[in-house]
C-alpha atoms as a PDB file:
ATOM      1  CA  UNK A   1       0.000   0.000   0.000  1.00  0.00           C
ATOM      2  CA  UNK A   2       2.798   2.388   0.895  1.00  0.00           C
ATOM      3  CA  UNK A   3       4.582   1.485  -2.341  1.00  0.00           C
ATOM      4  CA  UNK A   4       1.451   2.233  -4.346  1.00  0.00           C
ATOM      5  CA  UNK A   5       1.219   5.706  -2.776  1.00  0.00           C
ATOM      6  CA  UNK A   6       4.887   6.276  -3.477  1.00  0.00           C
ATOM      7  CA  UNK A   7       4.380   5.230  -7.127  1.00  0.00           C
ATOM      8  CA  UNK A   8       1.399   7.576  -7.463  1.00  0.00           C
ATOM      9  CA  UNK A   9       3.417  10.451  -6.015  1.00  0.00           C
ATOM     10  CA  UNK A  10       6.296   9.714  -8.384  1.00  0.00           C
ATOM     11  CA  UNK A  11       3.922   9.669 -11.371  1.00  0.00           C
ATOM     12  CA  UNK A  12       2.379  12.953 -10.293  1.00  0.00           C
ATOM     13  CA  UNK A  13       5.810  14.508  -9.847  1.00  0.00           C
ATOM     14  CA  UNK A  14       6.867  13.317 -13.313  1.00  0.00           C
ATOM     15  CA  UNK A  15       3.745  14.878 -14.851  1.00  0.00           C
ATOM     16  CA  UNK A  16       4.488  18.173 -13.093  1.00  0.00           C
ATOM     17  CA  UNK A  17       8.049  18.094 -14.414  1.00  0.00           C
ATOM     18  CA  UNK A  18       6.757  17.433 -17.926  1.00  0.00           C
ATOM     19  CA  UNK A  19       4.437  20.434 -17.645  1.00  0.00           C
ATOM     20  CA  UNK A  20       7.307  22.629 -16.542  1.00  0.00           C
ATOM     21  CA  UNK A  21       9.517  21.355 -19.363  1.00  0.00           C
ATOM     22  CA  UNK A  22       6.794  22.131 -21.894  1.00  0.00           C
ATOM     23  CA  UNK A  23       6.364  25.564 -20.329  1.00  0.00           C
ATOM     24  CA  UNK A  24       2.587  25.236 -20.098  1.00  0.00           C
ATOM     25  CA  UNK A  25       2.300  27.513 -17.086  1.00  0.00           C
ATOM     26  CA  UNK A  26       4.947  29.936 -18.216  1.00  0.00           C
ATOM     27  CA  UNK A  27       3.182  30.706 -21.513  1.00  0.00           C
ATOM     28  CA  UNK A  28      -0.315  31.104 -20.217  1.00  0.00           C
ATOM     29  CA  UNK A  29      -2.529  33.019 -22.646  1.00  0.00           C
ATOM     30  CA  UNK A  30      -5.099  33.789 -19.986  1.00  0.00           C
ATOM     31  CA  UNK A  31      -2.554  35.593 -17.796  1.00  0.00           C
ATOM     32  CA  UNK A  32      -1.256  37.465 -20.822  1.00  0.00           C
ATOM     33  CA  UNK A  33      -4.789  38.602 -21.681  1.00  0.00           C
ATOM     34  CA  UNK A  34      -5.433  39.652 -18.088  1.00  0.00           C
ATOM     35  CA  UNK A  35      -2.249  41.738 -17.912  1.00  0.00           C
ATOM     36  CA  UNK A  36      -3.044  43.332 -21.273  1.00  0.00           C
ATOM     37  CA  UNK A  37      -6.558  44.151 -20.034  1.00  0.00           C
ATOM     38  CA  UNK A  38      -5.119  45.715 -16.858  1.00  0.00           C
ATOM     39  CA  UNK A  39      -2.778  47.927 -18.890  1.00  0.00           C
ATOM     40  CA  UNK A  40      -5.593  48.937 -21.249  1.00  0.00           C
ATOM     41  CA  UNK A  41      -7.877  49.695 -18.272  1.00  0.00           C
ATOM     42  CA  UNK A  42      -5.188  51.832 -16.624  1.00  0.00           C
ATOM     43  CA  UNK A  43      -4.585  53.709 -19.874  1.00  0.00           C
ATOM     44  CA  UNK A  44      -8.295  54.362 -20.397  1.00  0.00           C
ATOM     45  CA  UNK A  45      -8.778  55.604 -16.838  1.00  0.00           C
ATOM     46  CA  UNK A  46      -5.744  57.911 -17.050  1.00  0.00           C
ATOM     47  CA  UNK A  47      -6.844  59.227 -20.449  1.00  0.00           C
ATOM     48  CA  UNK A  48     -10.376  59.904 -19.197  1.00  0.00           C
ATOM     49  CA  UNK A  49      -8.955  61.620 -16.119  1.00  0.00           C
ATOM     50  CA  UNK A  50      -6.659  63.805 -18.238  1.00  0.00           C
ATOM     51  CA  UNK A  51      -9.583  64.758 -20.458  1.00  0.00           C
ATOM     52  CA  UNK A  52     -11.611  65.748 -17.412  1.00  0.00           C
ATOM     53  CA  UNK A  53     -14.289  63.098 -17.831  1.00  0.00           C
ATOM     54  CA  UNK A  54     -14.221  62.094 -14.146  1.00  0.00           C
ATOM     55  CA  UNK A  55     -15.576  64.038 -11.213  1.00  0.00           C
ATOM     56  CA  UNK A  56     -13.123  62.357  -8.829  1.00  0.00           C
ATOM     57  CA  UNK A  57      -9.877  63.745  -7.477  1.00  0.00           C
ATOM     58  CA  UNK A  58      -7.622  60.762  -8.133  1.00  0.00           C
ATOM     59  CA  UNK A  59      -7.816  58.057 -10.746  1.00  0.00           C
ATOM     60  CA  UNK A  60      -5.476  55.550  -9.036  1.00  0.00           C
ATOM     61  CA  UNK A  61      -8.140  54.006  -6.790  1.00  0.00           C
ATOM     62  CA  UNK A  62     -10.290  53.357  -9.856  1.00  0.00           C
ATOM     63  CA  UNK A  63      -7.322  51.764 -11.636  1.00  0.00           C
ATOM     64  CA  UNK A  64      -6.689  49.452  -8.662  1.00  0.00           C
ATOM     65  CA  UNK A  65     -10.355  48.475  -8.347  1.00  0.00           C
ATOM     66  CA  UNK A  66     -10.507  47.706 -12.073  1.00  0.00           C
ATOM     67  CA  UNK A  67      -7.274  45.697 -11.935  1.00  0.00           C
ATOM     68  CA  UNK A  68      -8.662  43.656  -9.038  1.00  0.00           C
ATOM     69  CA  UNK A  69     -11.851  43.071 -10.987  1.00  0.00           C
ATOM     70  CA  UNK A  70      -9.895  41.883 -14.018  1.00  0.00           C
ATOM     71  CA  UNK A  71      -7.920  39.456 -11.835  1.00  0.00           C
ATOM     72  CA  UNK A  72     -11.231  38.146 -10.439  1.00  0.00           C
ATOM     73  CA  UNK A  73     -12.475  37.640 -14.014  1.00  0.00           C
ATOM     74  CA  UNK A  74      -9.294  35.696 -14.770  1.00  0.00           C
ATOM     75  CA  UNK A  75      -9.997  33.475 -11.755  1.00  0.00           C
ATOM     76  CA  UNK A  76     -13.544  32.820 -12.974  1.00  0.00           C
ATOM     77  CA  UNK A  77     -12.203  31.965 -16.430  1.00  0.00           C
ATOM     78  CA  UNK A  78      -9.801  29.475 -14.848  1.00  0.00           C
ATOM     79  CA  UNK A  79     -12.750  27.745 -13.187  1.00  0.00           C
ATOM     80  CA  UNK A  80     -14.771  27.716 -16.408  1.00  0.00           C
ATOM     81  CA  UNK A  81     -12.018  26.630 -18.823  1.00  0.00           C
ATOM     82  CA  UNK A  82     -10.349  23.336 -17.835  1.00  0.00           C
ATOM     83  CA  UNK A  83      -7.349  23.881 -20.123  1.00  0.00           C
ATOM     84  CA  UNK A  84      -6.381  26.974 -18.100  1.00  0.00           C
ATOM     85  CA  UNK A  85      -6.827  25.513 -14.626  1.00  0.00           C
ATOM     86  CA  UNK A  86      -4.028  26.041 -12.145  1.00  0.00           C
ATOM     87  CA  UNK A  87      -3.742  27.125  -8.500  1.00  0.00           C
ATOM     88  CA  UNK A  88      -5.399  30.517  -7.979  1.00  0.00           C
ATOM     89  CA  UNK A  89      -4.953  31.195  -4.262  1.00  0.00           C
ATOM     90  CA  UNK A  90      -2.347  33.888  -4.784  1.00  0.00           C
ATOM     91  CA  UNK A  91      -4.353  35.540  -7.539  1.00  0.00           C
ATOM     92  CA  UNK A  92      -7.429  35.674  -5.316  1.00  0.00           C
ATOM     93  CA  UNK A  93      -5.474  37.355  -2.526  1.00  0.00           C
ATOM     94  CA  UNK A  94      -3.948  39.804  -5.034  1.00  0.00           C
ATOM     95  CA  UNK A  95      -7.416  40.689  -6.375  1.00  0.00           C
ATOM     96  CA  UNK A  96      -8.799  41.327  -2.884  1.00  0.00           C
ATOM     97  CA  UNK A  97      -5.781  43.464  -1.948  1.00  0.00           C
ATOM     98  CA  UNK A  98      -6.036  45.547  -5.147  1.00  0.00           C
ATOM     99  CA  UNK A  99      -9.739  46.158  -4.642  1.00  0.00           C
ATOM    100  CA  UNK A 100      -9.279  46.902  -0.921  1.00  0.00           C
ATOM    101  CA  UNK A 101      -6.513  49.433  -1.540  1.00  0.00           C
ATOM    102  CA  UNK A 102      -8.646  51.079  -4.225  1.00  0.00           C
ATOM    103  CA  UNK A 103     -11.688  51.276  -1.950  1.00  0.00           C
ATOM    104  CA  UNK A 104      -9.748  52.126   1.226  1.00  0.00           C
ATOM    105  CA  UNK A 105      -9.616  55.873   0.712  1.00  0.00           C
ATOM    106  CA  UNK A 106     -13.205  56.084  -0.540  1.00  0.00           C
ATOM    107  CA  UNK A 107     -15.022  53.955   2.034  1.00  0.00           C
ATOM    108  CA  UNK A 108     -12.588  54.193   4.913  1.00  0.00           C
ATOM    109  CA  UNK A 109     -10.056  51.675   6.144  1.00  0.00           C
ATOM    110  CA  UNK A 110     -12.142  50.846   9.222  1.00  0.00           C
ATOM    111  CA  UNK A 111     -14.612  49.073   6.929  1.00  0.00           C
ATOM    112  CA  UNK A 112     -12.452  47.905   4.033  1.00  0.00           C
ATOM    113  CA  UNK A 113      -9.647  46.197   5.978  1.00  0.00           C
ATOM    114  CA  UNK A 114     -11.876  43.866   8.055  1.00  0.00           C
ATOM    115  CA  UNK A 115     -13.969  42.965   4.989  1.00  0.00           C
ATOM    116  CA  UNK A 116     -10.804  42.228   2.986  1.00  0.00           C
ATOM    117  CA  UNK A 117      -9.460  39.987   5.753  1.00  0.00           C
ATOM    118  CA  UNK A 118     -12.789  38.143   5.950  1.00  0.00           C
ATOM    119  CA  UNK A 119     -12.821  37.589   2.170  1.00  0.00           C
ATOM    120  CA  UNK A 120      -9.234  36.329   2.154  1.00  0.00           C
ATOM    121  CA  UNK A 121     -10.035  33.934   5.006  1.00  0.00           C
ATOM    122  CA  UNK A 122     -13.137  32.664   3.196  1.00  0.00           C
ATOM    123  CA  UNK A 123     -11.066  32.183   0.057  1.00  0.00           C
ATOM    124  CA  UNK A 124      -8.572  30.055   1.955  1.00  0.00           C
ATOM    125  CA  UNK A 125     -11.386  27.955   3.443  1.00  0.00           C
ATOM    126  CA  UNK A 126     -13.095  27.501   0.074  1.00  0.00           C
ATOM    127  CA  UNK A 127      -9.801  26.487  -1.518  1.00  0.00           C
ATOM    128  CA  UNK A 128      -9.581  23.530   0.833  1.00  0.00           C
ATOM    129  CA  UNK A 129     -13.225  22.596   0.234  1.00  0.00           C
ATOM    130  CA  UNK A 130     -13.016  22.850  -3.576  1.00  0.00           C
ATOM    131  CA  UNK A 131      -9.579  21.290  -4.047  1.00  0.00           C
ATOM    132  CA  UNK A 132      -9.695  17.524  -4.534  1.00  0.00           C
ATOM    133  CA  UNK A 133      -8.032  15.523  -1.785  1.00  0.00           C
ATOM    134  CA  UNK A 134      -4.848  13.659  -2.567  1.00  0.00           C
END
């Protein structure tokens, strides 16, 4: 029984090494699209701000909120598209932090920080519930 587990672990490790050799995770189109969307969003917000289309003082919070939203969309796409599945825990935390920093000055840190911590904690709990057991 112990040998069977060891064999399964070795097979899994070999598959991971093959993925890394192929560069599947390093050339991820979904991440490339997300980063391009973040840059386009930032450019559009800055352009609109420079043209006076916003009635807000600073455009950076809006850029951060939009970037967090785009990262959340990337996470949803990873759930929906099996060929792009990979661990998303770090991306979820990044999205929550970006959105929290963007909202912090508008809503107040006394509200945003506790909500962000709650969401991150829930994300960690859900990760363990959703992830298949080994």
